[in-house]
Amino acid sequence: MLRNWLRVLPLLVIFAYGCSGTPDDQPETGTVTGVVLLDDKPLPDARVLFSPTSSGQSSEGVTDENGKFELRYKRDIMGAKVGEHLVKISTFEQPVIGDDGRPSGGRPELVPQEYNETSSLKRTVEAGENEFEFKLQGGG
């Protein structure tokens, strides 16, 4: 019995290592939370996108009814890659054309384009916890 385990053990170790991945294939990340205000009022249902200014995967989150958000890097990893990011904030959602040819759903852009399409907002994410407040102006 012990002899059988000794044969299987190296295979289990290799399998476990292969499933877990290596630390080198994952960049260092920091958790990112914050709040978005538009004309001093919480902005609900806004998409907050952090894109690294160097290279790497973006992180995003959606604000709740109080304008608060938390970024997700990957499905099971919260936060954003450590480093400088270009930040875009948007409420726009494209309507979906139904089988009847009529658009449904969608949402207009409430955020001025200087905070999304032509954004120059930048924030630096550090290892550990990061909290940012975005006070946007010009929502009408």
Protein backbone atom coordinates (compact mmCIF):
# COMPACT_ATOMS: atom_id res chain seq x y z
CA MET A 1 0.00 0.00 0.00
CA LEU A 2 2.75 2.47 0.93
CA ARG A 3 4.62 1.58 -2.23
CA ASN A 4 1.54 2.54 -4.33
CA TRP A 5 1.32 5.95 -2.63
CA LEU A 6 4.99 6.58 -3.31
CA ARG A 7 4.33 6.04 -7.00
CA VAL A 8 1.27 8.30 -7.09
CA LEU A 9 2.63 11.12 -4.90
CA PRO A 10 4.98 12.67 -7.52
CA LEU A 11 2.11 12.74 -10.04
CA LEU A 12 -0.16 14.48 -7.54
CA VAL A 13 2.51 17.10 -6.83
CA ILE A 14 3.00 17.78 -10.55
CA PHE A 15 -0.77 17.98 -11.11
CA ALA A 16 -1.29 20.37 -8.18
CA TYR A 17 1.57 22.62 -9.33
CA GLY A 18 0.23 22.71 -12.89
CA CYS A 19 -3.27 23.68 -11.75
CA SER A 20 -2.13 26.43 -9.43
CA GLY A 21 0.06 28.21 -11.99
CA THR A 22 3.25 29.97 -11.13
CA PRO A 23 3.55 33.32 -9.37
CA ASP A 24 5.51 34.66 -12.34
CA ASP A 25 2.54 34.57 -14.70
CA GLN A 26 0.51 36.95 -12.50
CA PRO A 27 1.51 40.62 -12.05
CA GLU A 28 1.45 42.20 -8.63
CA THR A 29 -1.95 43.73 -7.87
CA GLY A 30 -3.46 46.01 -5.25
CA THR A 31 -7.09 46.19 -4.16
CA VAL A 32 -8.93 49.23 -5.49
CA THR A 33 -12.10 50.72 -4.08
CA GLY A 34 -13.57 54.18 -4.32
CA VAL A 35 -16.47 56.45 -5.04
CA VAL A 36 -17.62 58.39 -8.10
CA LEU A 37 -19.49 61.66 -7.69
CA LEU A 38 -21.02 63.62 -10.55
CA ASP A 39 -21.75 67.25 -9.64
CA ASP A 40 -21.33 66.30 -5.95
CA LYS A 41 -23.92 63.48 -6.15
CA PRO A 42 -23.20 59.72 -6.11
CA LEU A 43 -23.20 58.28 -9.63
CA PRO A 44 -24.88 54.84 -9.70
CA ASP A 45 -24.39 52.19 -12.40
CA ALA A 46 -21.24 53.74 -13.86
CA ARG A 47 -18.51 51.54 -15.30
CA VAL A 48 -15.06 52.40 -13.89
CA LEU A 49 -12.16 51.16 -16.04
CA PHE A 50 -8.48 51.24 -15.01
CA SER A 51 -6.11 50.55 -17.94
CA PRO A 52 -2.36 50.27 -17.23
CA THR A 53 -0.40 53.01 -19.03
CA SER A 54 2.41 50.52 -19.67
CA SER A 55 1.05 47.14 -20.66
CA GLY A 56 -1.24 44.62 -19.09
CA GLN A 57 -4.83 43.74 -18.45
CA SER A 58 -7.40 46.36 -17.46
CA SER A 59 -9.55 46.15 -14.35
CA GLU A 60 -13.12 47.30 -14.00
CA GLY A 61 -15.99 47.72 -11.61
CA VAL A 62 -19.49 49.19 -11.50
CA THR A 63 -20.70 51.77 -9.00
CA ASP A 64 -23.55 50.98 -6.66
CA GLU A 65 -26.41 53.35 -5.72
CA ASN A 66 -23.97 55.27 -3.47
CA GLY A 67 -21.38 55.69 -6.24
CA LYS A 68 -19.05 53.14 -4.59
CA PHE A 69 -17.05 50.64 -6.63
CA GLU A 70 -14.52 47.84 -6.29
CA LEU A 71 -12.30 46.80 -9.18
CA ARG A 72 -11.95 43.25 -10.45
CA TYR A 73 -8.74 42.22 -12.27
CA LYS A 74 -9.83 38.72 -13.26
CA ARG A 75 -12.82 36.60 -12.40
CA ASP A 76 -11.33 35.48 -9.08
CA ILE A 77 -8.84 38.32 -8.47
CA MET A 78 -9.96 41.68 -7.13
CA GLY A 79 -7.97 44.88 -7.69
CA ALA A 80 -5.71 46.19 -10.42
CA LYS A 81 -2.14 45.77 -11.61
CA VAL A 82 0.34 47.84 -9.60
CA GLY A 83 1.41 50.97 -11.51
CA GLU A 84 -0.06 53.98 -13.30
CA HIS A 85 -3.48 53.67 -14.96
CA LEU A 86 -5.63 55.70 -17.33
CA VAL A 87 -9.12 55.87 -15.80
CA LYS A 88 -12.35 56.02 -17.80
CA ILE A 89 -15.81 56.36 -16.27
CA SER A 90 -18.97 55.82 -18.29
CA THR A 91 -22.69 55.16 -17.93
CA PHE A 92 -23.33 54.44 -21.62
CA GLU A 93 -24.78 51.07 -22.59
CA GLN A 94 -25.52 50.18 -26.20
CA PRO A 95 -29.17 49.24 -26.84
CA VAL A 96 -29.79 45.71 -28.05
CA ILE A 97 -31.73 45.17 -31.27
CA GLY A 98 -34.41 42.57 -30.70
CA ASP A 99 -35.78 40.01 -33.13
CA ASP A 100 -38.46 42.53 -34.08
CA GLY A 101 -35.77 45.01 -35.18
CA ARG A 102 -36.52 47.44 -32.35
CA PRO A 103 -33.87 48.63 -29.91
CA SER A 104 -34.35 47.84 -26.24
CA GLY A 105 -32.42 48.61 -23.13
CA GLY A 106 -29.33 50.72 -23.32
CA ARG A 107 -28.46 53.76 -21.28
CA PRO A 108 -27.38 57.27 -22.24
CA GLU A 109 -23.98 58.69 -21.34
CA LEU A 110 -24.34 60.90 -18.29
CA VAL A 111 -20.61 61.50 -17.85
CA PRO A 112 -18.84 64.22 -19.91
CA GLN A 113 -16.45 62.73 -22.47
CA GLU A 114 -13.37 64.22 -20.75
CA TYR A 115 -13.84 61.46 -18.16
CA ASN A 116 -14.34 58.61 -20.65
CA GLU A 117 -13.71 58.93 -24.43
CA THR A 118 -11.03 61.63 -24.07
CA SER A 119 -10.09 60.92 -20.46
CA SER A 120 -6.76 62.01 -19.09
CA LEU A 121 -7.59 60.89 -15.54
CA LYS A 122 -4.68 58.93 -14.11
CA ARG A 123 -4.21 57.13 -10.83
CA THR A 124 -1.34 55.03 -9.49
CA VAL A 125 -2.21 51.69 -7.90
CA GLU A 126 0.16 50.51 -5.19
CA ALA A 127 0.48 47.10 -3.56
CA GLY A 128 -2.01 46.74 -0.72
CA GLU A 129 -5.19 48.77 -0.41
CA ASN A 130 -6.00 51.75 -2.63
CA GLU A 131 -9.00 54.06 -2.31
CA PHE A 132 -9.84 56.75 -4.86
CA GLU A 133 -12.49 59.46 -5.05
CA PHE A 134 -13.52 60.85 -8.42
CA LYS A 135 -15.35 64.19 -8.30
CA LEU A 136 -16.62 64.71 -11.84
CA GLN A 137 -18.18 67.96 -13.01
CA GLY A 138 -20.52 68.87 -15.84
CA GLY A 139 -23.22 66.25 -15.73
CA GLY A 140 -25.93 68.80 -16.36
